């Protein structure tokens, strides 16, 4: 029993002493997934969709205009800023528990503009969108 305890303590100490050789950081692409969802909603709109379907997919528009023929155009302008911080740390040695930490911060901004034109029956006649990331 004592030997098992001693072996367990030894493995625990050895595992705690392992170090990383520098901050190898992999930043997940959550922003890409979020971007796909917003663009995906715009891509789901088809000519002939109802205005109710548009609201279901994209929510309320930012701007609604009417042209000289009384046809509506809805504009969606979405801007998002995302900051992602990743921290890594090196484990200390057996008798030097001091750990070194590295911090990586990534800031990005995305815009999505969707313009939807409707016909006289309040059905989608045209959908255009543009996205940027920087």
N, C-alpha and C. Protein backbone atom coordinates (compact mmCIF):
# COMPACT_ATOMS: atom_id res chain seq x y z
N UNK A 1 0.82 -1.19 0.00
CA UNK A 1 0.00 0.00 0.00
C UNK A 1 0.87 1.26 0.00
N UNK A 2 1.89 1.26 0.84
CA UNK A 2 2.77 2.41 0.91
C UNK A 2 3.53 2.60 -0.41
N UNK A 3 3.90 1.49 -1.05
CA UNK A 3 4.63 1.55 -2.32
C UNK A 3 3.73 2.16 -3.41
N UNK A 4 2.47 1.77 -3.43
CA UNK A 4 1.53 2.34 -4.42
C UNK A 4 1.38 3.84 -4.20
N UNK A 5 1.29 4.24 -2.94
CA UNK A 5 1.18 5.66 -2.61
C UNK A 5 2.42 6.41 -3.07
N UNK A 6 3.59 5.82 -2.85
CA UNK A 6 4.85 6.44 -3.24
C UNK A 6 4.95 6.57 -4.76
N UNK A 7 4.51 5.54 -5.47
CA UNK A 7 4.52 5.59 -6.94
C UNK A 7 3.56 6.65 -7.44
N UNK A 8 2.39 6.74 -6.84
CA UNK A 8 1.40 7.75 -7.23
C UNK A 8 1.94 9.16 -7.01
N UNK A 9 2.59 9.38 -5.88
CA UNK A 9 3.17 10.70 -5.59
C UNK A 9 4.28 11.01 -6.59
N UNK A 10 5.09 10.03 -6.93
CA UNK A 10 6.19 10.24 -7.89
C UNK A 10 5.65 10.65 -9.26
N UNK A 11 4.64 9.95 -9.73
CA UNK A 11 4.05 10.30 -11.03
C UNK A 11 3.42 11.69 -10.99
N UNK A 12 2.79 12.02 -9.88
CA UNK A 12 2.17 13.33 -9.75
C UNK A 12 3.22 14.43 -9.80
N UNK A 13 4.34 14.22 -9.10
CA UNK A 13 5.41 15.22 -9.11
C UNK A 13 6.04 15.34 -10.50
N UNK A 14 6.25 14.22 -11.16
CA UNK A 14 6.84 14.27 -12.49
C UNK A 14 5.91 14.95 -13.49
N UNK A 15 4.64 14.67 -13.40
CA UNK A 15 3.68 15.31 -14.31
C UNK A 15 3.61 16.80 -14.05
N UNK A 16 3.71 17.19 -12.79
CA UNK A 16 3.66 18.61 -12.45
C UNK A 16 4.90 19.36 -12.85
N UNK A 17 5.99 18.66 -13.09
CA UNK A 17 7.25 19.30 -13.44
C UNK A 17 7.46 19.43 -14.93
N UNK A 18 6.61 18.85 -15.71
CA UNK A 18 6.81 18.95 -17.16
C UNK A 18 6.63 20.38 -17.60
N UNK A 19 7.42 20.78 -18.57
CA UNK A 19 7.36 22.16 -19.05
C UNK A 19 7.07 22.16 -20.53
N UNK A 20 6.51 23.25 -20.96
CA UNK A 20 6.32 23.48 -22.39
C UNK A 20 7.53 24.24 -22.89
N UNK A 21 7.95 24.00 -24.08
CA UNK A 21 9.10 24.73 -24.62
C UNK A 21 8.61 25.98 -25.33
N UNK A 22 8.00 26.88 -24.58
CA UNK A 22 7.51 28.12 -25.16
C UNK A 22 6.02 28.08 -25.38
N UNK A 23 5.47 29.22 -25.62
CA UNK A 23 4.02 29.31 -25.78
C UNK A 23 3.57 28.89 -27.18
N UNK A 24 3.19 27.65 -27.33
CA UNK A 24 2.59 27.21 -28.58
C UNK A 24 1.10 27.44 -28.45
N UNK A 25 0.62 28.43 -29.11
CA UNK A 25 -0.76 28.86 -28.93
C UNK A 25 -1.55 28.60 -30.20
N UNK A 26 -2.67 27.98 -30.04
CA UNK A 26 -3.59 27.79 -31.16
C UNK A 26 -4.87 28.52 -30.82
N UNK A 27 -5.20 29.51 -31.60
CA UNK A 27 -6.39 30.31 -31.32
C UNK A 27 -7.55 29.74 -32.12
N UNK A 28 -8.61 29.32 -31.44
CA UNK A 28 -9.74 28.74 -32.15
C UNK A 28 -10.42 29.75 -33.07
N UNK A 29 -11.05 29.25 -34.09
CA UNK A 29 -11.68 30.15 -35.07
C UNK A 29 -13.16 30.33 -34.78
N UNK A 30 -13.46 30.79 -33.57
CA UNK A 30 -14.86 31.03 -33.22
C UNK A 30 -15.44 32.13 -34.09
N UNK A 31 -14.63 33.15 -34.40
CA UNK A 31 -15.16 34.25 -35.21
C UNK A 31 -15.57 33.76 -36.59
N UNK A 32 -14.85 32.80 -37.13
CA UNK A 32 -15.24 32.27 -38.44
C UNK A 32 -16.57 31.55 -38.35
N UNK A 33 -16.80 30.83 -37.27
CA UNK A 33 -18.08 30.13 -37.12
C UNK A 33 -19.22 31.14 -36.99
N UNK A 34 -18.99 32.19 -36.21
CA UNK A 34 -20.00 33.23 -36.06
C UNK A 34 -20.28 33.89 -37.39
N UNK A 35 -19.23 34.14 -38.15
CA UNK A 35 -19.39 34.78 -39.46
C UNK A 35 -20.19 33.88 -40.38
N UNK A 36 -19.91 32.59 -40.38
CA UNK A 36 -20.65 31.67 -41.24
C UNK A 36 -22.13 31.69 -40.92
N UNK A 37 -22.47 31.79 -39.64
CA UNK A 37 -23.87 31.77 -39.25
C UNK A 37 -24.60 32.99 -39.81
N UNK A 38 -24.02 34.16 -39.71
CA UNK A 38 -24.68 35.36 -40.20
C UNK A 38 -24.79 35.35 -41.72
N UNK A 39 -23.71 34.99 -42.40
CA UNK A 39 -23.75 34.92 -43.85
C UNK A 39 -24.66 33.79 -44.29
N UNK A 40 -24.65 32.70 -43.54
CA UNK A 40 -25.52 31.57 -43.86
C UNK A 40 -26.98 31.95 -43.83
N UNK A 41 -27.36 32.81 -42.89
CA UNK A 41 -28.75 33.26 -42.82
C UNK A 41 -29.11 34.06 -44.08
N UNK A 42 -28.20 34.91 -44.53
CA UNK A 42 -28.45 35.69 -45.74
C UNK A 42 -28.52 34.76 -46.96
N UNK A 43 -27.70 33.73 -46.97
CA UNK A 43 -27.70 32.81 -48.10
C UNK A 43 -28.96 31.95 -48.15
N UNK A 44 -29.62 31.79 -47.03
CA UNK A 44 -30.85 31.00 -46.99
C UNK A 44 -32.03 31.73 -47.62
N UNK A 45 -31.91 33.04 -47.76
CA UNK A 45 -32.99 33.81 -48.38
C UNK A 45 -33.01 33.57 -49.88
N UNK A 46 -34.16 33.26 -50.39
CA UNK A 46 -34.33 33.00 -51.81
C UNK A 46 -35.34 33.99 -52.39
N UNK A 47 -35.23 34.21 -53.68
CA UNK A 47 -36.22 35.04 -54.36
C UNK A 47 -37.59 34.40 -54.15
N UNK A 48 -38.55 35.21 -53.74
CA UNK A 48 -39.90 34.71 -53.47
C UNK A 48 -40.17 34.51 -51.99
N UNK A 49 -39.14 34.60 -51.13
CA UNK A 49 -39.35 34.47 -49.69
C UNK A 49 -40.21 35.62 -49.18
N UNK A 50 -40.96 35.39 -48.13
CA UNK A 50 -41.82 36.42 -47.56
C UNK A 50 -41.02 37.33 -46.62
N UNK A 51 -41.58 38.49 -46.33
CA UNK A 51 -40.92 39.39 -45.39
C UNK A 51 -40.86 38.77 -43.99
N UNK A 52 -41.84 37.94 -43.66
CA UNK A 52 -41.82 37.25 -42.37
C UNK A 52 -40.62 36.30 -42.27
N UNK A 53 -40.31 35.63 -43.38
CA UNK A 53 -39.16 34.73 -43.41
C UNK A 53 -37.86 35.50 -43.24
N UNK A 54 -37.79 36.67 -43.85
CA UNK A 54 -36.61 37.51 -43.73
C UNK A 54 -36.40 37.90 -42.27
N UNK A 55 -37.46 38.33 -41.61
CA UNK A 55 -37.36 38.72 -40.20
C UNK A 55 -36.99 37.52 -39.33
N UNK A 56 -37.53 36.38 -39.67
CA UNK A 56 -37.21 35.15 -38.93
C UNK A 56 -35.72 34.83 -39.00
N UNK A 57 -35.12 35.03 -40.17
CA UNK A 57 -33.71 34.70 -40.36
C UNK A 57 -32.76 35.79 -39.89
N UNK A 58 -33.11 37.06 -40.14
CA UNK A 58 -32.17 38.15 -39.89
C UNK A 58 -32.60 39.14 -38.82
N UNK A 59 -33.85 39.05 -38.39
CA UNK A 59 -34.33 40.03 -37.42
C UNK A 59 -34.82 41.28 -38.12
N UNK A 60 -35.01 42.33 -37.34
CA UNK A 60 -35.50 43.59 -37.90
C UNK A 60 -34.39 44.30 -38.67
N UNK A 61 -34.72 44.94 -39.80
CA UNK A 61 -33.69 45.64 -40.57
C UNK A 61 -33.27 46.93 -39.89
N UNK A 62 -32.08 47.41 -40.25
CA UNK A 62 -31.60 48.70 -39.74
C UNK A 62 -32.26 49.86 -40.47
N UNK A 63 -32.47 49.68 -41.79
CA UNK A 63 -33.04 50.75 -42.61
C UNK A 63 -34.08 50.16 -43.55
N UNK A 64 -35.22 50.84 -43.67
CA UNK A 64 -36.26 50.46 -44.64
C UNK A 64 -36.52 51.69 -45.50
N UNK A 65 -36.42 51.50 -46.83
CA UNK A 65 -36.69 52.61 -47.74
C UNK A 65 -37.70 52.17 -48.79
N UNK A 66 -38.36 53.15 -49.40
CA UNK A 66 -39.29 52.91 -50.50
C UNK A 66 -38.79 53.68 -51.71
N UNK A 67 -38.82 53.05 -52.88
CA UNK A 67 -38.45 53.77 -54.10
C UNK A 67 -39.67 54.48 -54.67
N UNK A 68 -39.51 55.10 -55.84
CA UNK A 68 -40.62 55.87 -56.43
C UNK A 68 -41.82 55.01 -56.82
N UNK A 69 -41.62 53.71 -56.99
CA UNK A 69 -42.72 52.80 -57.31
C UNK A 69 -43.38 52.22 -56.06
N UNK A 70 -42.89 52.61 -54.89
CA UNK A 70 -43.45 52.11 -53.64
C UNK A 70 -42.88 50.76 -53.21
N UNK A 71 -41.84 50.29 -53.88
CA UNK A 71 -41.23 49.01 -53.51
C UNK A 71 -40.23 49.21 -52.37
N UNK A 72 -40.26 48.29 -51.42
CA UNK A 72 -39.41 48.41 -50.24
C UNK A 72 -38.03 47.79 -50.47
N UNK A 73 -37.05 48.39 -49.80
CA UNK A 73 -35.70 47.85 -49.71
C UNK A 73 -35.32 47.83 -48.24
N UNK A 74 -34.87 46.70 -47.76
CA UNK A 74 -34.42 46.56 -46.38
C UNK A 74 -32.91 46.42 -46.37
N UNK A 75 -32.28 47.13 -45.44
CA UNK A 75 -30.82 47.08 -45.31
C UNK A 75 -30.47 46.62 -43.90
N UNK A 76 -29.62 45.64 -43.83
CA UNK A 76 -29.06 45.15 -42.56
C UNK A 76 -27.58 45.50 -42.57
N UNK A 77 -27.13 46.15 -41.51
CA UNK A 77 -25.74 46.55 -41.38
C UNK A 77 -25.27 46.10 -40.01
N UNK A 78 -24.51 45.02 -39.97
CA UNK A 78 -24.08 44.46 -38.70
C UNK A 78 -22.57 44.58 -38.59
N UNK A 79 -22.12 45.13 -37.47
CA UNK A 79 -20.70 45.28 -37.18
C UNK A 79 -20.44 44.58 -35.86
N UNK A 80 -19.40 43.77 -35.82
CA UNK A 80 -19.04 43.13 -34.56
C UNK A 80 -17.54 43.20 -34.37
N UNK A 81 -17.17 43.37 -33.12
CA UNK A 81 -15.76 43.41 -32.76
C UNK A 81 -15.54 42.28 -31.77
N UNK A 82 -14.49 41.53 -32.01
CA UNK A 82 -14.24 40.37 -31.17
C UNK A 82 -12.79 40.39 -30.69
N UNK A 83 -12.61 40.19 -29.40
CA UNK A 83 -11.28 40.09 -28.83
C UNK A 83 -11.15 38.73 -28.19
N UNK A 84 -10.08 38.06 -28.51
CA UNK A 84 -9.84 36.75 -27.93
C UNK A 84 -8.48 36.75 -27.25
N UNK A 85 -8.45 36.33 -26.00
CA UNK A 85 -7.22 36.28 -25.23
C UNK A 85 -6.93 34.83 -24.88
N UNK A 86 -5.71 34.42 -25.18
CA UNK A 86 -5.29 33.05 -24.86
C UNK A 86 -4.08 33.14 -23.95
N UNK A 87 -4.14 32.44 -22.83
CA UNK A 87 -3.03 32.42 -21.89
C UNK A 87 -2.42 31.03 -21.88
N UNK A 88 -1.10 31.00 -21.89
CA UNK A 88 -0.39 29.73 -21.73
C UNK A 88 0.59 29.89 -20.59
N UNK A 89 0.97 28.79 -19.98
CA UNK A 89 1.95 28.87 -18.90
C UNK A 89 2.85 27.65 -18.95
N UNK A 90 4.11 27.89 -18.59
CA UNK A 90 5.08 26.81 -18.46
C UNK A 90 5.06 26.36 -17.01
N UNK A 91 5.05 25.08 -16.78
CA UNK A 91 5.14 24.58 -15.41
C UNK A 91 6.56 24.77 -14.91
N UNK A 92 6.72 25.04 -13.64
CA UNK A 92 8.06 25.22 -13.06
C UNK A 92 8.73 23.88 -12.84
N UNK A 93 9.98 23.92 -12.44
CA UNK A 93 10.71 22.69 -12.12
C UNK A 93 10.32 22.23 -10.74
N UNK A 94 10.83 21.10 -10.33
CA UNK A 94 10.46 20.46 -9.07
C UNK A 94 10.61 21.41 -7.88
N UNK A 95 11.75 22.09 -7.78
CA UNK A 95 11.96 22.96 -6.62
C UNK A 95 11.87 24.44 -6.98
N UNK A 96 11.48 24.74 -8.19
CA UNK A 96 11.26 26.14 -8.59
C UNK A 96 9.87 26.24 -9.18
N UNK A 97 8.88 26.40 -8.34
CA UNK A 97 7.49 26.37 -8.83
C UNK A 97 7.06 27.60 -9.62
N UNK A 98 7.96 28.58 -9.80
CA UNK A 98 7.58 29.78 -10.52
C UNK A 98 7.21 29.41 -11.96
N UNK A 99 6.09 29.91 -12.41
CA UNK A 99 5.63 29.64 -13.76
C UNK A 99 5.73 30.89 -14.60
N UNK A 100 6.06 30.71 -15.87
CA UNK A 100 6.07 31.82 -16.81
C UNK A 100 4.77 31.78 -17.59
N UNK A 101 4.17 32.94 -17.77
CA UNK A 101 2.92 33.00 -18.52
C UNK A 101 3.09 33.85 -19.76
N UNK A 102 2.41 33.44 -20.80
CA UNK A 102 2.38 34.19 -22.05
C UNK A 102 0.93 34.53 -22.35
N UNK A 103 0.70 35.71 -22.86
CA UNK A 103 -0.65 36.13 -23.21
C UNK A 103 -0.64 36.57 -24.67
N UNK A 104 -1.58 36.05 -25.43
CA UNK A 104 -1.75 36.44 -26.83
C UNK A 104 -3.15 37.01 -26.96
N UNK A 105 -3.25 38.20 -27.53
CA UNK A 105 -4.54 38.84 -27.71
C UNK A 105 -4.75 39.12 -29.19
N UNK A 106 -5.90 38.71 -29.71
CA UNK A 106 -6.22 38.93 -31.11
C UNK A 106 -7.52 39.73 -31.17
N UNK A 107 -7.48 40.83 -31.90
CA UNK A 107 -8.66 41.68 -32.04
C UNK A 107 -9.06 41.68 -33.52
N UNK A 108 -10.32 41.49 -33.77
CA UNK A 108 -10.81 41.50 -35.14
C UNK A 108 -12.15 42.21 -35.23
N UNK A 109 -12.43 42.74 -36.39
CA UNK A 109 -13.70 43.41 -36.62
C UNK A 109 -14.30 42.88 -37.90
N UNK A 110 -15.61 42.67 -37.87
CA UNK A 110 -16.31 42.14 -39.03
C UNK A 110 -17.51 43.01 -39.34
N UNK A 111 -17.81 43.13 -40.61
CA UNK A 111 -19.03 43.83 -41.01
C UNK A 111 -19.79 42.93 -41.98
N UNK A 112 -21.09 43.00 -41.90
CA UNK A 112 -21.96 42.29 -42.83
C UNK A 112 -23.06 43.25 -43.24
N UNK A 113 -23.18 43.48 -44.54
CA UNK A 113 -24.23 44.33 -45.07
C UNK A 113 -25.09 43.47 -45.99
N UNK A 114 -26.38 43.46 -45.72
CA UNK A 114 -27.33 42.70 -46.53
C UNK A 114 -28.38 43.68 -47.05
N UNK A 115 -28.61 43.66 -48.35
CA UNK A 115 -29.63 44.52 -48.98
C UNK A 115 -30.66 43.61 -49.64
N UNK A 116 -31.91 43.78 -49.22
CA UNK A 116 -33.00 42.94 -49.72
C UNK A 116 -34.05 43.83 -50.37
N UNK A 117 -34.39 43.53 -51.61
CA UNK A 117 -35.43 44.27 -52.32
C UNK A 117 -36.67 43.40 -52.42
N UNK A 118 -37.83 44.06 -52.27
CA UNK A 118 -39.11 43.35 -52.31
C UNK A 118 -39.91 43.78 -53.54
N UNK A 119 -40.79 42.87 -53.99
CA UNK A 119 -41.69 43.20 -55.09
C UNK A 119 -43.00 43.74 -54.51
N UNK A 120 -43.99 43.95 -55.37
CA UNK A 120 -45.27 44.53 -54.91
C UNK A 120 -46.03 43.61 -53.97
N UNK A 121 -45.78 42.32 -54.02
CA UNK A 121 -46.45 41.36 -53.14
C UNK A 121 -45.70 41.12 -51.84
N UNK A 122 -44.73 42.00 -51.50
CA UNK A 122 -43.90 41.87 -50.30
C UNK A 122 -43.11 40.57 -50.27
N UNK A 123 -42.68 40.13 -51.44
CA UNK A 123 -41.83 38.95 -51.55
C UNK A 123 -40.44 39.41 -52.02
N UNK A 124 -39.42 38.69 -51.60
CA UNK A 124 -38.04 39.03 -51.94
C UNK A 124 -37.86 38.94 -53.46
N UNK A 125 -37.34 40.02 -54.05
CA UNK A 125 -37.04 40.01 -55.48
C UNK A 125 -35.53 40.00 -55.74
N UNK A 126 -34.73 40.41 -54.74
CA UNK A 126 -33.28 40.45 -54.90
C UNK A 126 -32.61 40.46 -53.53
N UNK A 127 -31.53 39.69 -53.38
CA UNK A 127 -30.75 39.67 -52.14
C UNK A 127 -29.28 39.84 -52.51
N UNK A 128 -28.65 40.80 -51.88
CA UNK A 128 -27.20 41.01 -52.06
C UNK A 128 -26.59 41.20 -50.68
N UNK A 129 -25.38 40.67 -50.53
CA UNK A 129 -24.69 40.87 -49.25
C UNK A 129 -23.19 41.00 -49.49
N UNK A 130 -22.55 41.65 -48.55
CA UNK A 130 -21.09 41.83 -48.59
C UNK A 130 -20.58 41.72 -47.17
N UNK A 131 -19.48 41.00 -47.03
CA UNK A 131 -18.88 40.86 -45.72
C UNK A 131 -17.42 41.25 -45.78
N UNK A 132 -16.92 41.81 -44.71
CA UNK A 132 -15.50 42.14 -44.60
C UNK A 132 -15.02 41.69 -43.23
N UNK A 133 -13.76 41.36 -43.17
CA UNK A 133 -13.10 41.01 -41.91
C UNK A 133 -11.75 41.67 -41.88
N UNK A 134 -11.43 42.28 -40.77
CA UNK A 134 -10.10 42.87 -40.61
C UNK A 134 -9.77 43.02 -39.15
